[in-house]
């Protein structure tokens, strides 16, 4: 039953959405193969926006810039922990992208900081993600990509658009709550449902950014 529902959702995504970076079904198959660590309960528990998230990101950004030196072109905080909002909830997970001028040479520096690689990032086919879990309180997730990767602007536009559009924050939260409320829905089905919403809001965000340029 679960596989049949997931297959139907994937077909609907392919019919209704477009991704300039990869075919929709290819993205779905990649999401199925994505690996991530087991998170402590206090990390994965949902909570309202915490101002400490911005402080944690700023501290981690300093550590990474110091460890990777000139290899870093850009670091951007994104995801729910990057959007101050009274209506959005998220996990105690700090997602950020690290755009690199030099890719392989940076891996040792991340590993020295305690980051562990988990293969391809679910966000982009040319990005990898690295996790560092700090005690049982918070997880940091570094999504590594080349400095010229167009996904960078997609992630930043999505974040900036949500920050200034509270009505979209509410819609985003309502959809996530609705998906999570279905007791027999798997995590993969939840991810597919959220992906549809991402494509919708991302299209608006990119148009909004183009209009401001």
Protein backbone atom coordinates (compact mmCIF):
# COMPACT_ATOMS: atom_id res chain seq x y z
CA UNK A 1 0.00 0.00 0.00
CA UNK A 2 2.74 2.44 0.99
CA UNK A 3 4.72 1.79 -2.20
CA UNK A 4 1.61 2.21 -4.35
CA UNK A 5 0.81 5.57 -2.73
CA UNK A 6 4.41 6.75 -3.12
CA UNK A 7 4.44 5.71 -6.78
CA UNK A 8 1.22 7.64 -7.39
CA UNK A 9 2.63 10.73 -5.68
CA UNK A 10 5.79 10.49 -7.78
CA UNK A 11 3.73 10.28 -10.98
CA UNK A 12 1.70 13.32 -9.94
CA UNK A 13 4.91 15.23 -9.25
CA UNK A 14 6.27 14.32 -12.67
CA UNK A 15 3.04 15.50 -14.30
CA UNK A 16 2.67 18.77 -12.41
CA UNK A 17 6.22 19.95 -11.57
CA UNK A 18 9.43 20.71 -13.39
CA UNK A 19 12.99 20.81 -12.10
CA UNK A 20 15.66 22.40 -14.31
CA UNK A 21 18.37 20.47 -12.48
CA UNK A 22 17.16 16.88 -12.99
CA UNK A 23 14.13 14.83 -14.09
CA UNK A 24 11.49 14.59 -11.38
CA UNK A 25 11.53 10.79 -11.24
CA UNK A 26 15.32 10.88 -11.05
CA UNK A 27 15.05 13.20 -8.05
CA UNK A 28 12.51 10.89 -6.41
CA UNK A 29 14.77 7.87 -6.86
CA UNK A 30 17.69 9.86 -5.44
CA UNK A 31 15.60 10.83 -2.40
CA UNK A 32 14.84 7.15 -1.83
CA UNK A 33 18.57 6.42 -1.64
CA UNK A 34 19.42 9.33 0.65
CA UNK A 35 21.17 8.40 3.90
CA UNK A 36 21.14 10.36 7.15
CA UNK A 37 22.13 9.64 10.76
CA UNK A 38 19.77 8.60 13.54
CA UNK A 39 18.92 11.77 15.44
CA UNK A 40 18.51 12.01 19.21
CA UNK A 41 14.91 12.69 20.31
CA UNK A 42 15.71 16.24 21.46
CA UNK A 43 17.14 17.06 18.02
CA UNK A 44 14.27 15.70 15.95
CA UNK A 45 11.50 17.02 18.21
CA UNK A 46 9.51 19.80 16.51
CA UNK A 47 9.54 23.22 18.13
CA UNK A 48 8.69 26.84 17.40
CA UNK A 49 11.33 29.12 15.95
CA UNK A 50 14.27 29.54 18.32
CA UNK A 51 16.42 32.72 18.06
CA UNK A 52 19.36 30.57 19.18
CA UNK A 53 19.33 28.93 15.73
CA UNK A 54 20.75 32.07 14.11
CA UNK A 55 23.43 32.28 16.80
CA UNK A 56 24.34 28.62 16.38
CA UNK A 57 24.66 29.08 12.63
CA UNK A 58 26.86 32.15 13.03
CA UNK A 59 29.19 30.25 15.35
CA UNK A 60 29.40 27.28 13.01
CA UNK A 61 30.02 29.52 10.03
CA UNK A 62 33.05 31.03 11.79
CA UNK A 63 34.44 27.57 12.59
CA UNK A 64 34.02 26.35 9.01
CA UNK A 65 35.54 29.46 7.45
CA UNK A 66 38.53 29.14 9.77
CA UNK A 67 38.95 25.42 9.02
CA UNK A 68 38.51 25.63 5.23
CA UNK A 69 40.24 28.97 4.81
CA UNK A 70 40.22 30.27 1.21
CA UNK A 71 38.28 27.31 -0.17
CA UNK A 72 34.95 28.82 0.92
CA UNK A 73 33.23 31.17 -1.51
CA UNK A 74 29.94 31.48 0.38
CA UNK A 75 28.00 30.03 3.31
CA UNK A 76 24.22 30.45 3.55
CA UNK A 77 21.82 29.39 6.29
CA UNK A 78 18.59 27.91 4.87
CA UNK A 79 15.65 25.70 5.88
CA UNK A 80 13.13 26.24 8.68
CA UNK A 81 15.80 27.25 11.20
CA UNK A 82 16.72 30.20 8.93
CA UNK A 83 13.22 31.72 8.80
CA UNK A 84 12.18 33.73 11.88
CA UNK A 85 8.43 33.13 12.11
CA UNK A 86 5.73 32.78 14.77
CA UNK A 87 3.93 30.12 12.72
CA UNK A 88 6.67 27.79 11.44
CA UNK A 89 7.97 24.85 13.43
CA UNK A 90 11.14 22.88 12.80
CA UNK A 91 13.66 20.48 14.23
CA UNK A 92 16.79 21.51 16.11
CA UNK A 93 18.75 21.05 12.88
CA UNK A 94 20.81 23.85 11.34
CA UNK A 95 20.99 23.42 7.56
CA UNK A 96 23.42 25.52 5.57
CA UNK A 97 25.11 25.40 2.19
CA UNK A 98 28.84 25.75 1.73
CA UNK A 99 29.84 26.93 -1.73
CA UNK A 100 33.42 25.92 -2.45
CA UNK A 101 36.05 27.23 -4.79
CA UNK A 102 37.99 24.00 -4.24
CA UNK A 103 35.98 20.88 -3.51
CA UNK A 104 38.04 17.76 -2.58
CA UNK A 105 40.63 19.66 -0.54
CA UNK A 106 37.88 20.81 1.82
CA UNK A 107 36.75 17.37 2.95
CA UNK A 108 39.57 16.87 5.45
CA UNK A 109 38.80 20.21 7.04
CA UNK A 110 35.16 19.32 7.58
CA UNK A 111 36.05 15.89 8.96
CA UNK A 112 38.45 17.55 11.42
CA UNK A 113 35.51 19.58 12.75
CA UNK A 114 33.57 16.38 13.42
CA UNK A 115 31.44 16.27 10.27
CA UNK A 116 30.59 12.88 8.76
CA UNK A 117 29.68 12.47 5.05
CA UNK A 118 26.33 10.91 4.13
CA UNK A 119 26.57 10.98 0.37
CA UNK A 120 24.43 13.01 -1.96
CA UNK A 121 22.31 15.81 -0.50
CA UNK A 122 18.56 15.44 -1.10
CA UNK A 123 18.51 19.10 -2.17
CA UNK A 124 20.61 18.91 -5.33
CA UNK A 125 22.20 16.21 -7.51
CA UNK A 126 25.61 17.92 -7.40
CA UNK A 127 25.71 18.64 -3.66
CA UNK A 128 26.85 16.38 -0.84
CA UNK A 129 25.81 16.62 2.78
CA UNK A 130 27.82 16.27 5.95
CA UNK A 131 26.35 15.94 9.45
CA UNK A 132 27.67 16.89 12.87
CA UNK A 133 25.52 16.05 15.90
CA UNK A 134 26.45 18.03 18.98
CA UNK A 135 25.58 16.02 22.08
CA UNK A 136 21.86 15.29 22.16
CA UNK A 137 20.82 18.91 21.53
CA UNK A 138 21.45 20.05 17.95
CA UNK A 139 22.60 18.83 14.54
CA UNK A 140 24.50 20.84 11.95
CA UNK A 141 24.13 19.86 8.29
CA UNK A 142 26.58 21.23 5.73
CA UNK A 143 25.46 20.89 2.10
CA UNK A 144 28.63 21.19 0.00
CA UNK A 145 28.55 22.32 -3.61
CA UNK A 146 30.64 24.15 -6.17
CA UNK A 147 30.53 27.93 -6.06
CA UNK A 148 28.84 28.09 -9.48
CA UNK A 149 26.01 25.69 -8.63
CA UNK A 150 22.64 27.30 -9.58
CA UNK A 151 20.95 25.54 -6.65
CA UNK A 152 22.54 28.13 -4.36
CA UNK A 153 20.28 30.90 -5.63
CA UNK A 154 17.25 28.60 -5.51
CA UNK A 155 17.84 27.92 -1.81
CA UNK A 156 18.55 31.56 -0.98
CA UNK A 157 15.55 32.87 -2.94
CA UNK A 158 13.24 30.38 -1.20
CA UNK A 159 14.53 31.45 2.21
CA UNK A 160 14.36 35.18 1.51
CA UNK A 161 10.88 34.95 -0.01
CA UNK A 162 9.46 33.10 2.99
CA UNK A 163 11.09 35.55 5.39
CA UNK A 164 9.00 38.43 4.00
CA UNK A 165 5.78 36.61 3.06
CA UNK A 166 3.96 35.52 6.25
CA UNK A 167 1.01 34.19 4.25
CA UNK A 168 3.34 31.71 2.55
CA UNK A 169 4.83 30.79 5.92
CA UNK A 170 1.34 29.85 7.11
CA UNK A 171 0.61 27.85 3.96
CA UNK A 172 3.93 26.04 4.25
CA UNK A 173 3.21 25.18 7.87
CA UNK A 174 -0.38 24.07 7.17
CA UNK A 175 0.73 21.69 4.44
CA UNK A 176 3.49 20.21 6.63
CA UNK A 177 1.05 19.73 9.51
CA UNK A 178 -1.52 18.13 7.22
CA UNK A 179 1.03 15.69 5.83
CA UNK A 180 2.38 14.82 9.29
CA UNK A 181 -1.13 14.29 10.70
CA UNK A 182 -1.84 11.27 8.48
CA UNK A 183 -0.93 8.31 10.75
CA UNK A 184 -0.10 5.82 8.00
CA UNK A 185 1.98 8.19 5.88
CA UNK A 186 5.65 7.20 5.61
CA UNK A 187 8.52 9.66 5.90
CA UNK A 188 9.17 9.22 2.17
CA UNK A 189 5.54 10.10 1.31
CA UNK A 190 5.79 13.11 3.62
CA UNK A 191 8.92 14.21 1.76
CA UNK A 192 7.20 13.87 -1.62
CA UNK A 193 4.25 15.94 -0.44
CA UNK A 194 6.54 18.66 0.87
CA UNK A 195 8.53 18.59 -2.38
CA UNK A 196 5.41 19.56 -4.35
CA UNK A 197 4.96 22.57 -2.09
CA UNK A 198 8.64 23.46 -2.44
CA UNK A 199 8.38 23.62 -6.24
CA UNK A 200 5.31 25.84 -6.01
CA UNK A 201 6.84 28.32 -3.56
CA UNK A 202 10.24 28.19 -5.25
CA UNK A 203 8.73 29.28 -8.56
CA UNK A 204 7.17 32.28 -6.86
CA UNK A 205 10.41 33.03 -4.99
CA UNK A 206 12.52 33.04 -8.16
CA UNK A 207 10.03 35.33 -9.94
CA UNK A 208 9.95 37.62 -6.88
CA UNK A 209 13.75 37.82 -6.82
CA UNK A 210 13.91 38.53 -10.57
CA UNK A 211 11.42 41.36 -10.12
CA UNK A 212 13.56 42.93 -7.41
CA UNK A 213 16.79 42.76 -9.44
